[in-house]
Structures are given as C-alpha cells and as structure tokens.
PDB file of N, CA and C in Angstrom:
ATOM      1  N   MET A   1      57.804  30.627  39.678  1.00  0.00           N
ATOM      2  CA  MET A   1      57.320  30.060  40.707  1.00  0.00           C
ATOM      3  C   MET A   1      58.021  28.695  40.909  1.00  0.00           C
ATOM      4  N   ASN A   2      58.634  28.179  39.548  1.00  0.00           N
ATOM      5  CA  ASN A   2      59.337  27.039  39.366  1.00  0.00           C
ATOM      6  C   ASN A   2      60.780  27.443  40.149  1.00  0.00           C
ATOM      7  N   THR A   3      61.295  28.301  40.188  1.00  0.00           N
ATOM      8  CA  THR A   3      62.685  28.558  40.672  1.00  0.00           C
ATOM      9  C   THR A   3      62.372  28.545  42.254  1.00  0.00           C
ATOM     10  N   ILE A   4      61.084  29.181  42.996  1.00  0.00           N
ATOM     11  CA  ILE A   4      60.835  29.156  44.374  1.00  0.00           C
ATOM     12  C   ILE A   4      60.550  27.654  44.843  1.00  0.00           C
ATOM     13  N   TYR A   5      59.924  27.130  43.991  1.00  0.00           N
ATOM     14  CA  TYR A   5      60.234  25.567  44.340  1.00  0.00           C
ATOM     15  C   TYR A   5      61.257  24.564  44.319  1.00  0.00           C
ATOM     16  N   TYR A   6      62.003  24.960  43.406  1.00  0.00           N
ATOM     17  CA  TYR A   6      63.480  24.174  43.203  1.00  0.00           C
ATOM     18  C   TYR A   6      64.106  24.611  44.605  1.00  0.00           C
ATOM     19  N   HIS A   7      64.419  26.001  44.806  1.00  0.00           N
ATOM     20  CA  HIS A   7      65.425  26.091  46.038  1.00  0.00           C
ATOM     21  C   HIS A   7      64.894  25.400  46.880  1.00  0.00           C
ATOM     22  N   ARG A   8      63.667  25.617  47.399  1.00  0.00           N
ATOM     23  CA  ARG A   8      63.011  24.873  48.678  1.00  0.00           C
ATOM     24  C   ARG A   8      63.405  23.504  48.600  1.00  0.00           C
ATOM     25  N   LYS A   9      62.910  22.689  47.519  1.00  0.00           N
ATOM     26  CA  LYS A   9      63.813  21.442  47.156  1.00  0.00           C
ATOM     27  C   LYS A   9      64.902  21.171  47.646  1.00  0.00           C
ATOM     28  N   LYS A  10      65.673  22.212  47.044  1.00  0.00           N
ATOM     29  CA  LYS A  10      67.137  21.883  47.256  1.00  0.00           C
ATOM     30  C   LYS A  10      67.702  21.555  48.916  1.00  0.00           C
ATOM     31  N   PHE A  11      66.578  22.731  49.460  1.00  0.00           N
ATOM     32  CA  PHE A  11      66.890  22.557  51.074  1.00  0.00           C
ATOM     33  C   PHE A  11      66.553  21.759  51.883  1.00  0.00           C
ATOM     34  N   LEU A  12      65.471  20.929  51.175  1.00  0.00           N
ATOM     35  CA  LEU A  12      64.835  19.711  51.984  1.00  0.00           C
ATOM     36  C   LEU A  12      65.993  18.382  51.768  1.00  0.00           C
ATOM     37  N   PHE A  13      67.001  18.588  50.765  1.00  0.00           N
ATOM     38  CA  PHE A  13      67.837  17.070  50.359  1.00  0.00           C
ATOM     39  C   PHE A  13      69.156  17.376  51.547  1.00  0.00           C
ATOM     40  N   ILE A  14      69.255  18.501  51.992  1.00  0.00           N
ATOM     41  CA  ILE A  14      70.617  18.696  53.006  1.00  0.00           C
ATOM     42  C   ILE A  14      70.210  17.982  54.154  1.00  0.00           C
ATOM     43  N   PRO A  15      68.999  17.842  54.993  1.00  0.00           N
ATOM     44  CA  PRO A  15      68.975  17.248  55.855  1.00  0.00           C
ATOM     45  C   PRO A  15      69.035  15.579  55.468  1.00  0.00           C
ATOM     46  N   LEU A  16      68.582  15.144  54.649  1.00  0.00           N
ATOM     47  CA  LEU A  16      68.472  14.024  54.051  1.00  0.00           C
ATOM     48  C   LEU A  16      69.909  13.345  53.785  1.00  0.00           C
ATOM     49  N   ILE A  17      70.843  14.366  53.289  1.00  0.00           N
ATOM     50  CA  ILE A  17      72.243  14.043  53.031  1.00  0.00           C
ATOM     51  C   ILE A  17      72.787  13.800  54.401  1.00  0.00           C
ATOM     52  N   LEU A  18      72.605  14.877  55.347  1.00  0.00           N
ATOM     53  CA  LEU A  18      73.472  14.645  56.613  1.00  0.00           C
ATOM     54  C   LEU A  18      73.034  13.455  57.317  1.00  0.00           C
ATOM     55  N   ASP A  19      71.736  13.335  57.355  1.00  0.00           N
ATOM     56  CA  ASP A  19      71.143  11.686  57.760  1.00  0.00           C
ATOM     57  C   ASP A  19      72.173  10.662  57.390  1.00  0.00           C
ATOM     58  N   ALA A  20      72.101  11.025  55.872  1.00  0.00           N
ATOM     59  CA  ALA A  20      72.948   9.622  55.616  1.00  0.00           C
ATOM     60  C   ALA A  20      74.320   9.691  56.147  1.00  0.00           C
ATOM     61  N   ILE A  21      75.049  10.499  55.760  1.00  0.00           N
ATOM     62  CA  ILE A  21      76.348  10.783  56.449  1.00  0.00           C
ATOM     63  C   ILE A  21      76.359   9.768  57.845  1.00  0.00           C
ATOM     64  N   ALA A  22      75.557  10.715  58.729  1.00  0.00           N
ATOM     65  CA  ALA A  22      75.201   9.966  60.281  1.00  0.00           C
ATOM     66  C   ALA A  22      75.192   8.607  60.230  1.00  0.00           C
ATOM     67  N   LEU A  23      74.367   8.215  59.685  1.00  0.00           N
ATOM     68  CA  LEU A  23      73.973   6.808  59.221  1.00  0.00           C
ATOM     69  C   LEU A  23      75.241   5.960  59.091  1.00  0.00           C
ATOM     70  N   PHE A  24      75.778   6.342  57.928  1.00  0.00           N
ATOM     71  CA  PHE A  24      77.062   5.608  57.763  1.00  0.00           C
ATOM     72  C   PHE A  24      78.139   5.539  58.861  1.00  0.00           C
ATOM     73  N   ALA A  25      78.223   6.895  59.594  1.00  0.00           N
ATOM     74  CA  ALA A  25      79.384   6.942  60.398  1.00  0.00           C
ATOM     75  C   ALA A  25      78.836   5.848  61.436  1.00  0.00           C
ATOM     76  N   TYR A  26      77.611   5.968  62.047  1.00  0.00           N
ATOM     77  CA  TYR A  26      77.038   5.087  63.007  1.00  0.00           C
ATOM     78  C   TYR A  26      77.320   3.417  62.534  1.00  0.00           C
ATOM     79  N   ILE A  27      77.082   3.251  61.459  1.00  0.00           N
ATOM     80  CA  ILE A  27      77.318   1.824  61.130  1.00  0.00           C
ATOM     81  C   ILE A  27      78.961   1.485  60.867  1.00  0.00           C
ATOM     82  N   THR A  28      79.702   2.340  60.547  1.00  0.00           N
ATOM     83  CA  THR A  28      80.776   2.106  60.662  1.00  0.00           C
ATOM     84  C   THR A  28      81.212   1.987  62.294  1.00  0.00           C
ATOM     85  N   MET A  29      80.971   2.574  63.018  1.00  0.00           N
ATOM     86  CA  MET A  29      81.257   2.861  64.455  1.00  0.00           C
ATOM     87  C   MET A  29      81.140   1.470  65.164  1.00  0.00           C
ATOM     88  N   ALA A  30      79.582   1.026  64.665  1.00  0.00           N
ATOM     89  CA  ALA A  30      79.044  -0.112  64.971  1.00  0.00           C
ATOM     90  C   ALA A  30      79.684  -1.418  64.489  1.00  0.00           C
ATOM     91  N   LEU A  31      80.153  -1.468  63.462  1.00  0.00           N
ATOM     92  CA  LEU A  31      80.750  -2.678  62.634  1.00  0.00           C
ATOM     93  C   LEU A  31      82.344  -2.605  63.303  1.00  0.00           C
ATOM     94  N   TRP A  32      82.988  -1.763  63.598  1.00  0.00           N
ATOM     95  CA  TRP A  32      84.395  -1.317  63.956  1.00  0.00           C
ATOM     96  C   TRP A  32      84.136  -2.090  65.820  1.00  0.00           C
ATOM     97  N   ASN A  33      83.503  -1.783  66.113  1.00  0.00           N
ATOM     98  CA  ASN A  33      83.189  -2.028  68.041  1.00  0.00           C
ATOM     99  C   ASN A  33      82.932  -3.377  67.856  1.00  0.00           C
ATOM    100  N   ALA A  34      81.866  -3.816  66.970  1.00  0.00           N
ATOM    101  CA  ALA A  34      81.793  -5.464  66.787  1.00  0.00           C
ATOM    102  C   ALA A  34      83.184  -6.300  66.608  1.00  0.00           C
ATOM    103  N   LEU A  35      83.697  -5.886  65.609  1.00  0.00           N
ATOM    104  CA  LEU A  35      84.579  -6.792  64.778  1.00  0.00           C
ATOM    105  C   LEU A  35      86.019  -6.732  65.093  1.00  0.00           C
ATOM    106  N   LEU A  36      86.626  -5.372  65.258  1.00  0.00           N
ATOM    107  CA  LEU A  36      87.782  -5.143  65.447  1.00  0.00           C
ATOM    108  C   LEU A  36      88.529  -5.279  66.764  1.00  0.00           C
ATOM    109  N   PRO A  37      87.908  -5.161  67.931  1.00  0.00           N
ATOM    110  CA  PRO A  37      88.080  -4.937  69.161  1.00  0.00           C
ATOM    111  C   PRO A  37      88.754  -6.540  69.649  1.00  0.00           C
ATOM    112  N   ASP A  38      87.708  -7.522  68.913  1.00  0.00           N
ATOM    113  CA  ASP A  38      87.882  -8.892  69.392  1.00  0.00           C
ATOM    114  C   ASP A  38      89.009  -9.462  68.278  1.00  0.00           C
ATOM    115  N   ILE A  39      89.097  -8.969  66.973  1.00  0.00           N
ATOM    116  CA  ILE A  39      89.855  -9.748  66.224  1.00  0.00           C
ATOM    117  C   ILE A  39      91.474  -9.101  66.042  1.00  0.00           C
ATOM    118  N   PHE A  40      91.251  -7.900  66.384  1.00  0.00           N
ATOM    119  CA  PHE A  40      92.821  -7.317  66.093  1.00  0.00           C
ATOM    120  C   PHE A  40      93.165  -6.783  67.634  1.00  0.00           C
ATOM    121  N   ARG A  41      92.646  -6.781  68.598  1.00  0.00           N
ATOM    122  CA  ARG A  41      92.771  -6.482  69.864  1.00  0.00           C
ATOM    123  C   ARG A  41      92.801  -4.917  69.864  1.00  0.00           C
ATOM    124  N   LEU A  42      92.029  -3.996  68.947  1.00  0.00           N
ATOM    125  CA  LEU A  42      92.081  -2.523  68.823  1.00  0.00           C
ATOM    126  C   LEU A  42      91.109  -2.103  69.824  1.00  0.00           C
ATOM    127  N   THR A  43      91.005  -0.789  70.166  1.00  0.00           N
ATOM    128  CA  THR A  43      90.255  -0.006  70.948  1.00  0.00           C
ATOM    129  C   THR A  43      88.877   0.258  70.312  1.00  0.00           C
ATOM    130  N   MET A  44      88.171   0.377  71.371  1.00  0.00           N
ATOM    131  CA  MET A  44      86.664   0.807  70.536  1.00  0.00           C
ATOM    132  C   MET A  44      86.926   2.046  70.152  1.00  0.00           C
ATOM    133  N   ILE A  45      85.808   2.366  69.351  1.00  0.00           N
ATOM    134  CA  ILE A  45      85.826   4.133  69.061  1.00  0.00           C
ATOM    135  C   ILE A  45      84.392   4.689  68.841  1.00  0.00           C
ATOM    136  N   ASN A  46      84.449   5.984  68.808  1.00  0.00           N
ATOM    137  CA  ASN A  46      83.079   6.853  69.333  1.00  0.00           C
ATOM    138  C   ASN A  46      82.550   7.216  67.861  1.00  0.00           C
ATOM    139  N   PHE A  47      81.437   7.706  68.163  1.00  0.00           N
ATOM    140  CA  PHE A  47      80.969   8.222  66.584  1.00  0.00           C
ATOM    141  C   PHE A  47      81.741   9.128  65.887  1.00  0.00           C
ATOM    142  N   TRP A  48      82.323  10.294  66.495  1.00  0.00           N
ATOM    143  CA  TRP A  48      83.422  11.214  65.554  1.00  0.00           C
ATOM    144  C   TRP A  48      84.349  10.548  65.104  1.00  0.00           C
ATOM    145  N   GLN A  49      84.847   9.611  65.935  1.00  0.00           N
ATOM    146  CA  GLN A  49      86.232   8.848  65.443  1.00  0.00           C
ATOM    147  C   GLN A  49      85.661   8.199  64.138  1.00  0.00           C
ATOM    148  N   ALA A  50      84.385   7.488  64.399  1.00  0.00           N
ATOM    149  CA  ALA A  50      84.155   6.775  62.928  1.00  0.00           C
ATOM    150  C   ALA A  50      83.857   7.822  61.863  1.00  0.00           C
ATOM    151  N   ALA A  51      83.116   9.003  62.129  1.00  0.00           N
ATOM    152  CA  ALA A  51      83.104   9.828  61.027  1.00  0.00           C
ATOM    153  C   ALA A  51      84.470  10.260  60.792  1.00  0.00           C
ATOM    154  N   GLY A  52      85.583  10.845  61.394  1.00  0.00           N
ATOM    155  CA  GLY A  52      87.048  11.014  61.329  1.00  0.00           C
ATOM    156  C   GLY A  52      87.614   9.872  60.259  1.00  0.00           C
ATOM    157  N   LEU A  53      87.230   8.877  60.869  1.00  0.00           N
ATOM    158  CA  LEU A  53      87.930   7.393  59.779  1.00  0.00           C
ATOM    159  C   LEU A  53      87.255   7.548  58.428  1.00  0.00           C
ATOM    160  N   ILE A  54      85.965   7.677  58.315  1.00  0.00           N
ATOM    161  CA  ILE A  54      85.534   7.944  57.062  1.00  0.00           C
ATOM    162  C   ILE A  54      85.923   8.899  56.356  1.00  0.00           C
ATOM    163  N   ALA A  55      86.299  10.264  56.907  1.00  0.00           N
ATOM    164  CA  ALA A  55      86.745  11.202  56.070  1.00  0.00           C
ATOM    165  C   ALA A  55      88.280  11.074  55.759  1.00  0.00           C
ATOM    166  N   LEU A  56      88.953  10.099  56.626  1.00  0.00           N
ATOM    167  CA  LEU A  56      90.179   9.898  56.408  1.00  0.00           C
ATOM    168  C   LEU A  56      90.373   9.282  55.257  1.00  0.00           C
ATOM    169  N   ALA A  57      89.566   7.952  55.145  1.00  0.00           N
ATOM    170  CA  ALA A  57      89.857   6.950  54.127  1.00  0.00           C
ATOM    171  C   ALA A  57      89.318   7.715  52.840  1.00  0.00           C
ATOM    172  N   ARG A  58      88.670   8.757  53.015  1.00  0.00           N
ATOM    173  CA  ARG A  58      87.866   9.409  51.393  1.00  0.00           C
ATOM    174  C   ARG A  58      89.192  10.282  51.266  1.00  0.00           C
ATOM    175  N   LEU A  59      90.008  10.805  51.873  1.00  0.00           N
ATOM    176  CA  LEU A  59      91.057  11.509  51.600  1.00  0.00           C
ATOM    177  C   LEU A  59      92.190  10.777  50.777  1.00  0.00           C
ATOM    178  N   PHE A  60      92.444   9.448  51.604  1.00  0.00           N
ATOM    179  CA  PHE A  60      93.418   8.788  51.359  1.00  0.00           C
ATOM    180  C   PHE A  60      92.980   7.585  49.776  1.00  0.00           C
ATOM    181  N   PHE A  61      91.948   7.298  49.586  1.00  0.00           N
ATOM    182  CA  PHE A  61      91.332   6.606  48.501  1.00  0.00           C
ATOM    183  C   PHE A  61      90.358   6.993  47.246  1.00  0.00           C
ATOM    184  N   GLY A  62      90.300   8.520  47.351  1.00  0.00           N
ATOM    185  CA  GLY A  62      89.536   9.036  46.796  1.00  0.00           C
ATOM    186  C   GLY A  62      87.954   9.160  47.212  1.00  0.00           C
ATOM    187  N   PHE A  63      87.279   9.866  46.297  1.00  0.00           N
ATOM    188  CA  PHE A  63      85.838   9.913  46.658  1.00  0.00           C
ATOM    189  C   PHE A  63      85.182   9.479  45.390  1.00  0.00           C
ATOM    190  N   GLY A  64      85.270   8.318  45.017  1.00  0.00           N
ATOM    191  CA  GLY A  64      84.605   7.652  43.925  1.00  0.00           C
ATOM    192  C   GLY A  64      85.098   7.597  42.872  1.00  0.00           C
ATOM    193  N   HIS A  65      84.066   7.113  41.475  1.00  0.00           N
ATOM    194  CA  HIS A  65      84.845   7.557  40.178  1.00  0.00           C
ATOM    195  C   HIS A  65      84.422   8.886  39.543  1.00  0.00           C
ATOM    196  N   SER A  66      84.224   9.848  39.845  1.00  0.00           N
ATOM    197  CA  SER A  66      83.546  10.842  39.211  1.00  0.00           C
ATOM    198  C   SER A  66      85.225  11.804  39.174  1.00  0.00           C
ATOM    199  N   GLY A  67      85.388  12.949  38.269  1.00  0.00           N
ATOM    200  CA  GLY A  67      86.051  13.545  38.263  1.00  0.00           C
ATOM    201  C   GLY A  67      87.445  13.342  37.231  1.00  0.00           C
ATOM    202  N   LYS A  68      88.368  13.684  37.126  1.00  0.00           N
ATOM    203  CA  LYS A  68      89.652  13.410  36.100  1.00  0.00           C
ATOM    204  C   LYS A  68      90.397  12.363  36.524  1.00  0.00           C
ATOM    205  N   TRP A  69      90.701  12.172  37.858  1.00  0.00           N
ATOM    206  CA  TRP A  69      91.339  10.851  38.356  1.00  0.00           C
ATOM    207  C   TRP A  69      90.926   9.492  38.490  1.00  0.00           C
ATOM    208  N   GLY A  70      89.597   9.494  38.427  1.00  0.00           N
ATOM    209  CA  GLY A  70      89.264   7.763  38.647  1.00  0.00           C
ATOM    210  C   GLY A  70      88.011   7.567  37.337  1.00  0.00           C
ATOM    211  N   GLY A  71      87.216   8.744  36.974  1.00  0.00           N
ATOM    212  CA  GLY A  71      86.300   8.708  36.277  1.00  0.00           C
ATOM    213  C   GLY A  71      86.342   8.440  34.894  1.00  0.00           C
ATOM    214  N   HIS A  72      85.038   8.368  34.217  1.00  0.00           N
ATOM    215  CA  HIS A  72      84.864   8.380  32.755  1.00  0.00           C
ATOM    216  C   HIS A  72      84.615   9.321  32.410  1.00  0.00           C
ATOM    217  N   SER A  73      85.347  10.175  31.429  1.00  0.00           N
ATOM    218  CA  SER A  73      84.774  11.604  31.185  1.00  0.00           C
ATOM    219  C   SER A  73      84.051  11.332  29.938  1.00  0.00           C
ATOM    220  N   PRO A  74      82.982  11.868  29.741  1.00  0.00           N
ATOM    221  CA  PRO A  74      81.861  12.153  28.588  1.00  0.00           C
ATOM    222  C   PRO A  74      82.726  12.318  27.426  1.00  0.00           C
ATOM    223  N   TYR A  75      83.562  13.143  27.329  1.00  0.00           N
ATOM    224  CA  TYR A  75      84.187  13.644  26.503  1.00  0.00           C
ATOM    225  C   TYR A  75      85.126  12.428  25.554  1.00  0.00           C
ATOM    226  N   MET A  76      85.856  11.905  26.906  1.00  0.00           N
ATOM    227  CA  MET A  76      86.610  10.634  26.470  1.00  0.00           C
ATOM    228  C   MET A  76      85.924   9.727  25.391  1.00  0.00           C
ATOM    229  N   SER A  77      84.469   9.691  26.091  1.00  0.00           N
ATOM    230  CA  SER A  77      83.872   8.406  25.353  1.00  0.00           C
ATOM    231  C   SER A  77      83.488   8.647  24.202  1.00  0.00           C
ATOM    232  N   CYS A  78      82.852   9.944  24.132  1.00  0.00           N
ATOM    233  CA  CYS A  78      82.356  10.682  22.532  1.00  0.00           C
ATOM    234  C   CYS A  78      83.598  10.380  21.722  1.00  0.00           C
ATOM    235  N   ASP A  79      84.981  11.043  21.893  1.00  0.00           N
ATOM    236  CA  ASP A  79      86.094  10.801  20.808  1.00  0.00           C
ATOM    237  C   ASP A  79      86.195   9.235  20.690  1.00  0.00           C
ATOM    238  N   VAL A  80      86.221   8.432  21.761  1.00  0.00           N
ATOM    239  CA  VAL A  80      86.288   6.754  21.292  1.00  0.00           C
ATOM    240  C   VAL A  80      85.451   6.076  20.405  1.00  0.00           C
ATOM    241  N   ARG A  81      84.296   7.141  20.609  1.00  0.00           N
ATOM    242  CA  ARG A  81      83.064   6.637  19.871  1.00  0.00           C
ATOM    243  C   ARG A  81      82.934   7.040  18.299  1.00  0.00           C
ATOM    244  N   ASN A  82      83.581   8.385  18.225  1.00  0.00           N
ATOM    245  CA  ASN A  82      83.905   8.738  16.831  1.00  0.00           C
ATOM    246  C   ASN A  82      84.661   7.936  16.319  1.00  0.00           C
ATOM    247  N   LYS A  83      85.962   7.744  17.009  1.00  0.00           N
ATOM    248  CA  LYS A  83      87.307   7.313  16.650  1.00  0.00           C
ATOM    249  C   LYS A  83      86.642   5.561  15.789  1.00  0.00           C
ATOM    250  N   ILE A  84      85.885   5.247  16.584  1.00  0.00           N
ATOM    251  CA  ILE A  84      85.313   3.893  16.464  1.00  0.00           C
ATOM    252  C   ILE A  84      84.458   3.770  15.123  1.00  0.00           C
ATOM    253  N   LYS A  85      83.485   4.667  15.149  1.00  0.00           N
ATOM    254  CA  LYS A  85      82.760   5.128  14.012  1.00  0.00           C
ATOM    255  C   LYS A  85      83.124   4.854  12.744  1.00  0.00           C
ATOM    256  N   ASN A  86      84.356   5.947  13.006  1.00  0.00           N
ATOM    257  CA  ASN A  86      85.050   6.034  11.467  1.00  0.00           C
ATOM    258  C   ASN A  86      86.139   4.801  10.970  1.00  0.00           C
ATOM    259  N   MET A  87      86.108   3.761  11.547  1.00  0.00           N
ATOM    260  CA  MET A  87      86.843   2.677  11.445  1.00  0.00           C
ATOM    261  C   MET A  87      86.677   1.905  10.762  1.00  0.00           C
ATOM    262  N   SER A  88      87.418   1.042   9.812  1.00  0.00           N
ATOM    263  CA  SER A  88      86.765   0.052   8.819  1.00  0.00           C
ATOM    264  C   SER A  88      86.655  -1.119   9.705  1.00  0.00           C
ATOM    265  N   ALA A  89      85.945  -2.094   9.178  1.00  0.00           N
ATOM    266  CA  ALA A  89      85.713  -3.642  10.053  1.00  0.00           C
ATOM    267  C   ALA A  89      86.778  -4.157  10.029  1.00  0.00           C
ATOM    268  N   ASP A  90      87.835  -4.562   9.522  1.00  0.00           N
ATOM    269  CA  ASP A  90      89.448  -5.011   9.801  1.00  0.00           C
ATOM    270  C   ASP A  90      89.811  -4.207  11.098  1.00  0.00           C
ATOM    271  N   GLU A  91      89.781  -2.509  10.888  1.00  0.00           N
ATOM    272  CA  GLU A  91      90.524  -1.900  11.929  1.00  0.00           C
ATOM    273  C   GLU A  91      89.743  -2.032  12.960  1.00  0.00           C
ATOM    274  N   LYS A  92      88.354  -1.849  13.260  1.00  0.00           N
ATOM    275  CA  LYS A  92      87.504  -2.301  14.549  1.00  0.00           C
ATOM    276  C   LYS A  92      87.820  -3.487  14.932  1.00  0.00           C
ATOM    277  N   LYS A  93      88.105  -4.762  14.390  1.00  0.00           N
ATOM    278  CA  LYS A  93      88.356  -6.105  14.893  1.00  0.00           C
ATOM    279  C   LYS A  93      89.826  -6.110  15.391  1.00  0.00           C
ATOM    280  N   GLU A  94      90.860  -5.570  14.528  1.00  0.00           N
ATOM    281  CA  GLU A  94      92.203  -5.240  15.147  1.00  0.00           C
ATOM    282  C   GLU A  94      92.443  -4.435  16.436  1.00  0.00           C
ATOM    283  N   SER A  95      91.433  -3.358  16.650  1.00  0.00           N
ATOM    284  CA  SER A  95      91.625  -2.552  17.580  1.00  0.00           C
ATOM    285  C   SER A  95      91.072  -3.415  18.909  1.00  0.00           C
ATOM    286  N   PHE A  96      90.171  -3.850  18.818  1.00  0.00           N
ATOM    287  CA  PHE A  96      89.433  -4.724  20.114  1.00  0.00           C
ATOM    288  C   PHE A  96      89.904  -6.149  20.142  1.00  0.00           C
ATOM    289  N   MET A  97      91.024  -6.503  19.208  1.00  0.00           N
ATOM    290  CA  MET A  97      91.971  -7.825  19.723  1.00  0.00           C
ATOM    291  C   MET A  97      92.877  -7.238  20.387  1.00  0.00           C
ATOM    292  N   LYS A  98      93.236  -5.920  20.103  1.00  0.00           N
ATOM    293  CA  LYS A  98      94.557  -5.176  20.910  1.00  0.00           C
ATOM    294  C   LYS A  98      94.035  -4.891  22.446  1.00  0.00           C
ATOM    295  N   MET A  99      92.950  -4.265  22.583  1.00  0.00           N
ATOM    296  CA  MET A  99      92.417  -3.966  23.657  1.00  0.00           C
ATOM    297  C   MET A  99      91.859  -5.035  24.746  1.00  0.00           C
ATOM    298  N   GLN A 100      91.407  -6.348  24.049  1.00  0.00           N
ATOM    299  CA  GLN A 100      91.563  -7.589  24.554  1.00  0.00           C
ATOM    300  C   GLN A 100      92.622  -8.145  25.268  1.00  0.00           C
ATOM    301  N   TYR A 101      93.642  -7.704  24.247  1.00  0.00           N
ATOM    302  CA  TYR A 101      95.023  -8.187  24.690  1.00  0.00           C
ATOM    303  C   TYR A 101      95.364  -7.719  25.865  1.00  0.00           C
ATOM    304  N   ASP A 102      95.694  -6.309  25.655  1.00  0.00           N
ATOM    305  CA  ASP A 102      95.771  -5.396  26.541  1.00  0.00           C
ATOM    306  C   ASP A 102      95.362  -5.831  27.723  1.00  0.00           C
ATOM    307  N   HIS A 103      94.102  -5.829  27.992  1.00  0.00           N
ATOM    308  CA  HIS A 103      93.407  -6.224  29.300  1.00  0.00           C
ATOM    309  C   HIS A 103      93.695  -7.455  29.927  1.00  0.00           C
ATOM    310  N   GLY A 104      93.872  -8.496  29.114  1.00  0.00           N
ATOM    311  CA  GLY A 104      94.396  -9.475  29.937  1.00  0.00           C
ATOM    312  C   GLY A 104      95.517  -9.566  30.406  1.00  0.00           C
ATOM    313  N   MET A 105      96.423  -8.801  29.525  1.00  0.00           N
ATOM    314  CA  MET A 105      97.969  -8.910  30.081  1.00  0.00           C
ATOM    315  C   MET A 105      97.968  -8.038  31.610  1.00  0.00           C
ATOM    316  N   TRP A 106      97.286  -7.001  31.608  1.00  0.00           N
ATOM    317  CA  TRP A 106      97.182  -6.159  32.913  1.00  0.00           C
ATOM    318  C   TRP A 106      96.302  -7.007  33.774  1.00  0.00           C
ATOM    319  N   TYR A 107      95.331  -7.668  33.564  1.00  0.00           N
ATOM    320  CA  TYR A 107      94.331  -8.442  34.485  1.00  0.00           C
ATOM    321  C   TYR A 107      95.296  -9.673  35.025  1.00  0.00           C
ATOM    322  N   HIS A 108      95.882 -10.626  34.348  1.00  0.00           N
ATOM    323  CA  HIS A 108      96.537 -11.515  34.777  1.00  0.00           C
ATOM    324  C   HIS A 108      97.975 -11.214  34.655  1.00  0.00           C
ATOM    325  N   GLY A 109      98.660 -10.481  34.598  1.00  0.00           N
ATOM    326  CA  GLY A 109     100.200  -9.922  35.047  1.00  0.00           C
ATOM    327  C   GLY A 109     100.895 -10.454  33.727  1.00  0.00           C
ATOM    328  N   CYS A 110     100.727 -10.731  32.717  1.00  0.00           N
ATOM    329  CA  CYS A 110     101.397 -11.684  31.741  1.00  0.00           C
ATOM    330  C   CYS A 110     102.295 -10.660  31.217  1.00  0.00           C
ATOM    331  N   TYR A 111     102.931  -9.787  31.552  1.00  0.00           N
ATOM    332  CA  TYR A 111     103.567  -8.926  30.609  1.00  0.00           C
ATOM    333  C   TYR A 111     105.207  -9.379  30.375  1.00  0.00           C
ATOM    334  N   GLY A 112     105.561  -9.231  29.312  1.00  0.00           N
ATOM    335  CA  GLY A 112     106.930  -9.767  28.773  1.00  0.00           C
ATOM    336  C   GLY A 112     106.747 -10.749  27.920  1.00  0.00           C
ATOM    337  N   LYS A 113     105.230 -11.400  27.595  1.00  0.00           N
ATOM    338  CA  LYS A 113     105.092 -12.393  26.218  1.00  0.00           C
ATOM    339  C   LYS A 113     104.582 -11.415  25.006  1.00  0.00           C
ATOM    340  N   LYS A 114     104.736 -12.456  24.160  1.00  0.00           N
ATOM    341  CA  LYS A 114     104.802 -11.616  22.425  1.00  0.00           C
ATOM    342  C   LYS A 114     103.205 -11.452  22.508  1.00  0.00           C
ATOM    343  N   GLU A 115     102.762 -10.420  21.815  1.00  0.00           N
ATOM    344  CA  GLU A 115     101.295 -10.083  21.414  1.00  0.00           C
ATOM    345  C   GLU A 115     101.236 -11.103  20.441  1.00  0.00           C
ATOM    346  N   PRO A 116      99.784 -11.961  20.369  1.00  0.00           N
ATOM    347  CA  PRO A 116      99.251 -12.646  19.590  1.00  0.00           C
ATOM    348  C   PRO A 116      99.308 -12.131  18.101  1.00  0.00           C
ATOM    349  N   ALA A 117      99.357 -12.702  17.035  1.00  0.00           N
ATOM    350  CA  ALA A 117      99.544 -12.518  15.853  1.00  0.00           C
ATOM    351  C   ALA A 117      97.873 -12.357  15.315  1.00  0.00           C
ATOM    352  N   THR A 118      97.818 -10.875  14.765  1.00  0.00           N
ATOM    353  CA  THR A 118      96.859 -10.342  14.340  1.00  0.00           C
ATOM    354  C   THR A 118      96.135 -10.601  12.762  1.00  0.00           C
ATOM    355  N   ASP A 119      97.331 -11.532  12.323  1.00  0.00           N
ATOM    356  CA  ASP A 119      96.979 -11.908  10.712  1.00  0.00           C
ATOM    357  C   ASP A 119      96.019 -13.273  10.796  1.00  0.00           C
ATOM    358  N   GLY A 120      96.073 -13.584  11.626  1.00  0.00           N
ATOM    359  CA  GLY A 120      94.939 -14.876  11.479  1.00  0.00           C
ATOM    360  C   GLY A 120      95.737 -16.127  11.865  1.00  0.00           C
ATOM    361  N   LYS A 121      97.454 -16.153  11.548  1.00  0.00           N
ATOM    362  CA  LYS A 121      98.065 -17.243  11.570  1.00  0.00           C
ATOM    363  C   LYS A 121      98.695 -17.441  13.012  1.00  0.00           C
ATOM    364  N   SER A 122      98.933 -18.649  13.439  1.00  0.00           N
ATOM    365  CA  SER A 122      99.114 -18.685  15.122  1.00  0.00           C
ATOM    366  C   SER A 122     100.405 -19.516  14.836  1.00  0.00           C
ATOM    367  N   GLY A 123     101.218 -18.963  15.654  1.00  0.00           N
ATOM    368  CA  GLY A 123     102.744 -19.618  16.068  1.00  0.00           C
ATOM    369  C   GLY A 123     103.847 -19.158  15.227  1.00  0.00           C
ATOM    370  N   GLU A 124     103.433 -18.233  14.454  1.00  0.00           N
ATOM    371  CA  GLU A 124     104.596 -17.568  13.341  1.00  0.00           C
ATOM    372  C   GLU A 124     105.275 -16.557  13.943  1.00  0.00           C
TER     373      GLU A 124
END
C-alpha cells in the first residue's frame, strides 16, 4: 500500500512543478517588460518568449550546482575528510594555510607573488 501512495504522491508534485515554472516565466516576463524597454529600448516580450529566455539562460549558464561540472561530489568531500583525518596537526595547519593562500590569490587576483613562509619566519 505504501508504493501506491508513493506513486500517487509523485503525480501530485508534477502540477506544482509546472505551476512554479509558469510563475517564474511570468515574473521574468513582467520584470523584462517593466524595466528593459525603458532602460535599453528593447521590445516587450510575451510569456513564451520569457520561458524560452529562461531555457536559453539555463543552457548557457548551467542548471545549478549539481552534477560533475559545478557541484560538490559527496565522494570528493568524503575523500578530503579522510585525508584530513589522517594528517598530523602540523600537516593540517600547513594545508589550511596553503588553501587560504590559494583562495586569497584567486579571489584577489594576486598571482605572481611569492607564497608566504610556512615555517613561522616572515620576510626570509
């Protein structure tokens, strides 16, 4: 009896998903028509053009942070967790300092500078 209820429950979500997509397309259309014709002198769009615009944007920019291209794999996090668990305290400290340095270089665009000394001495 649980399987029948589960299958019925699954079909109840289909209209909700379709309604959410339609609402998102309507909001996109309303925002486009309210802002872009006045700001950039673009033409107004209809509902289906807004839905197509959303689909096109999803194709260009991806479908979120799931999958192998943008998301975090649970296997990767498990591997990293096991790797960190097996490190000594000094290795953990050095690894986290390197990660922090790498993130700072990527975020602030400071490539080409030397890495900071990890032995506690500064400027040598």
